[in-house]
Amino acid sequence: MKNDIDSPDNPEEIRGAKEWLRHRMQRGKTYSARRDQPALAARFDMEQARQADSFDKCYRDIVRLLEELQKVNDSTNE
């Protein structure tokens, strides 16, 4: 990826995210989900991602499910 990429103003409006990434690769490089995913994941900003409504809802739902699972686990271990 190029080093001077700014985050999109509204990432939820992007259609074709892989194409968006491909256009922002360094000259002569191609985007490969398998090869590039570890580097992208290392740069992932949870706080920034949670500013997107759909991601924040997913995050809250996962937290709720984990909390429910923890309660079930705690009650079976008593």
C-alpha atoms as a PDB file:
ATOM      1  CA  MET A   1       0.000   0.000   0.000  1.00  0.00           C
ATOM      2  CA  LYS A   2       1.055   3.550  -0.545  1.00  0.00           C
ATOM      3  CA  ASN A   3       2.165   5.264   2.661  1.00  0.00           C
ATOM      4  CA  ASP A   4       0.197   8.469   2.147  1.00  0.00           C
ATOM      5  CA  ILE A   5      -3.318   7.022   1.932  1.00  0.00           C
ATOM      6  CA  ASP A   6      -6.021   8.827   3.857  1.00  0.00           C
ATOM      7  CA  SER A   7      -8.927   6.890   5.253  1.00  0.00           C
ATOM      8  CA  PRO A   8     -12.112   7.359   3.250  1.00  0.00           C
ATOM      9  CA  ASP A   9     -14.516   9.945   4.665  1.00  0.00           C
ATOM     10  CA  ASN A  10     -17.367   7.445   4.726  1.00  0.00           C
ATOM     11  CA  PRO A  11     -16.071   3.879   4.391  1.00  0.00           C
ATOM     12  CA  GLU A  12     -19.609   2.470   4.395  1.00  0.00           C
ATOM     13  CA  GLU A  13     -20.235   4.118   1.021  1.00  0.00           C
ATOM     14  CA  ILE A  14     -17.382   2.232  -0.677  1.00  0.00           C
ATOM     15  CA  ARG A  15     -18.588  -0.394  -3.103  1.00  0.00           C
ATOM     16  CA  GLY A  16     -15.885  -2.719  -4.353  1.00  0.00           C
ATOM     17  CA  ALA A  17     -13.492  -2.461  -1.405  1.00  0.00           C
ATOM     18  CA  LYS A  18     -10.910  -4.735  -3.049  1.00  0.00           C
ATOM     19  CA  GLU A  19     -10.865  -2.493  -6.111  1.00  0.00           C
ATOM     20  CA  TRP A  20     -10.504   0.540  -3.813  1.00  0.00           C
ATOM     21  CA  LEU A  21      -7.459  -1.149  -2.270  1.00  0.00           C
ATOM     22  CA  ARG A  22      -6.026  -2.162  -5.650  1.00  0.00           C
ATOM     23  CA  HIS A  23      -6.066   1.481  -6.794  1.00  0.00           C
ATOM     24  CA  ARG A  24      -4.059   2.479  -3.718  1.00  0.00           C
ATOM     25  CA  MET A  25      -1.242  -0.024  -4.075  1.00  0.00           C
ATOM     26  CA  GLN A  26       2.314   1.101  -4.705  1.00  0.00           C
ATOM     27  CA  ARG A  27       3.288   1.319  -8.360  1.00  0.00           C
ATOM     28  CA  GLY A  28       4.035  -2.137  -9.726  1.00  0.00           C
ATOM     29  CA  LYS A  29       2.301  -3.949  -6.836  1.00  0.00           C
ATOM     30  CA  THR A  30      -1.012  -5.771  -6.971  1.00  0.00           C
ATOM     31  CA  TYR A  31      -3.470  -6.347  -4.155  1.00  0.00           C
ATOM     32  CA  SER A  32      -3.840  -9.928  -2.952  1.00  0.00           C
ATOM     33  CA  ALA A  33      -6.267 -10.543  -0.106  1.00  0.00           C
ATOM     34  CA  ARG A  34      -4.316 -13.557   1.132  1.00  0.00           C
ATOM     35  CA  ARG A  35      -0.894 -11.904   0.975  1.00  0.00           C
ATOM     36  CA  ASP A  36      -1.881  -8.404   2.125  1.00  0.00           C
ATOM     37  CA  GLN A  37      -4.390  -9.251   4.859  1.00  0.00           C
ATOM     38  CA  PRO A  38      -1.851  -9.648   7.718  1.00  0.00           C
ATOM     39  CA  ALA A  39      -0.372  -6.195   7.048  1.00  0.00           C
ATOM     40  CA  LEU A  40      -3.818  -4.604   6.790  1.00  0.00           C
ATOM     41  CA  ALA A  41      -4.975  -6.311   9.985  1.00  0.00           C
ATOM     42  CA  ALA A  42      -1.886  -5.008  11.796  1.00  0.00           C
ATOM     43  CA  ARG A  43      -2.920  -1.453  10.874  1.00  0.00           C
ATOM     44  CA  PHE A  44      -6.584  -1.952  11.823  1.00  0.00           C
ATOM     45  CA  ASP A  45      -7.885   0.779  14.133  1.00  0.00           C
ATOM     46  CA  MET A  46     -10.798  -0.528  16.216  1.00  0.00           C
ATOM     47  CA  GLU A  47     -11.809   2.933  17.450  1.00  0.00           C
ATOM     48  CA  GLN A  48     -11.915   4.284  13.922  1.00  0.00           C
ATOM     49  CA  ALA A  49     -13.821   1.236  12.666  1.00  0.00           C
ATOM     50  CA  ARG A  50     -16.425   1.665  15.392  1.00  0.00           C
ATOM     51  CA  GLN A  51     -17.264   5.081  13.975  1.00  0.00           C
ATOM     52  CA  ALA A  52     -19.001   3.237  11.122  1.00  0.00           C
ATOM     53  CA  ASP A  53     -22.541   2.421  12.226  1.00  0.00           C
ATOM     54  CA  SER A  54     -22.641  -1.066  10.705  1.00  0.00           C
ATOM     55  CA  PHE A  55     -19.315  -2.105  12.239  1.00  0.00           C
ATOM     56  CA  ASP A  56     -20.272  -0.672  15.621  1.00  0.00           C
ATOM     57  CA  LYS A  57     -23.538  -2.629  15.589  1.00  0.00           C
ATOM     58  CA  CYS A  58     -21.637  -5.810  14.730  1.00  0.00           C
ATOM     59  CA  TYR A  59     -19.145  -5.078  17.528  1.00  0.00           C
ATOM     60  CA  ARG A  60     -21.918  -4.489  20.091  1.00  0.00           C
ATOM     61  CA  ASP A  61     -23.732  -7.665  19.022  1.00  0.00           C
ATOM     62  CA  ILE A  62     -20.550  -9.727  19.371  1.00  0.00           C
ATOM     63  CA  VAL A  63     -19.874  -8.258  22.825  1.00  0.00           C
ATOM     64  CA  ARG A  64     -23.464  -9.044  23.872  1.00  0.00           C
ATOM     65  CA  LEU A  65     -23.160 -12.639  22.637  1.00  0.00           C
ATOM     66  CA  LEU A  66     -19.837 -13.117  24.411  1.00  0.00           C
ATOM     67  CA  GLU A  67     -21.310 -11.753  27.640  1.00  0.00           C
ATOM     68  CA  GLU A  68     -24.272 -14.140  27.343  1.00  0.00           C
ATOM     69  CA  LEU A  69     -21.907 -17.035  26.678  1.00  0.00           C
ATOM     70  CA  GLN A  70     -19.834 -16.067  29.713  1.00  0.00           C
ATOM     71  CA  LYS A  71     -22.970 -16.072  31.901  1.00  0.00           C
ATOM     72  CA  VAL A  72     -23.908 -19.547  30.657  1.00  0.00           C
ATOM     73  CA  ASN A  73     -20.361 -20.757  31.218  1.00  0.00           C
ATOM     74  CA  ASP A  74     -20.276 -19.273  34.729  1.00  0.00           C
ATOM     75  CA  SER A  75     -23.606 -20.871  35.655  1.00  0.00           C
ATOM     76  CA  THR A  76     -22.516 -24.332  34.492  1.00  0.00           C
ATOM     77  CA  ASN A  77     -19.283 -24.096  36.486  1.00  0.00           C
ATOM     78  CA  GLU A  78     -20.992 -23.313  39.789  1.00  0.00           C
END
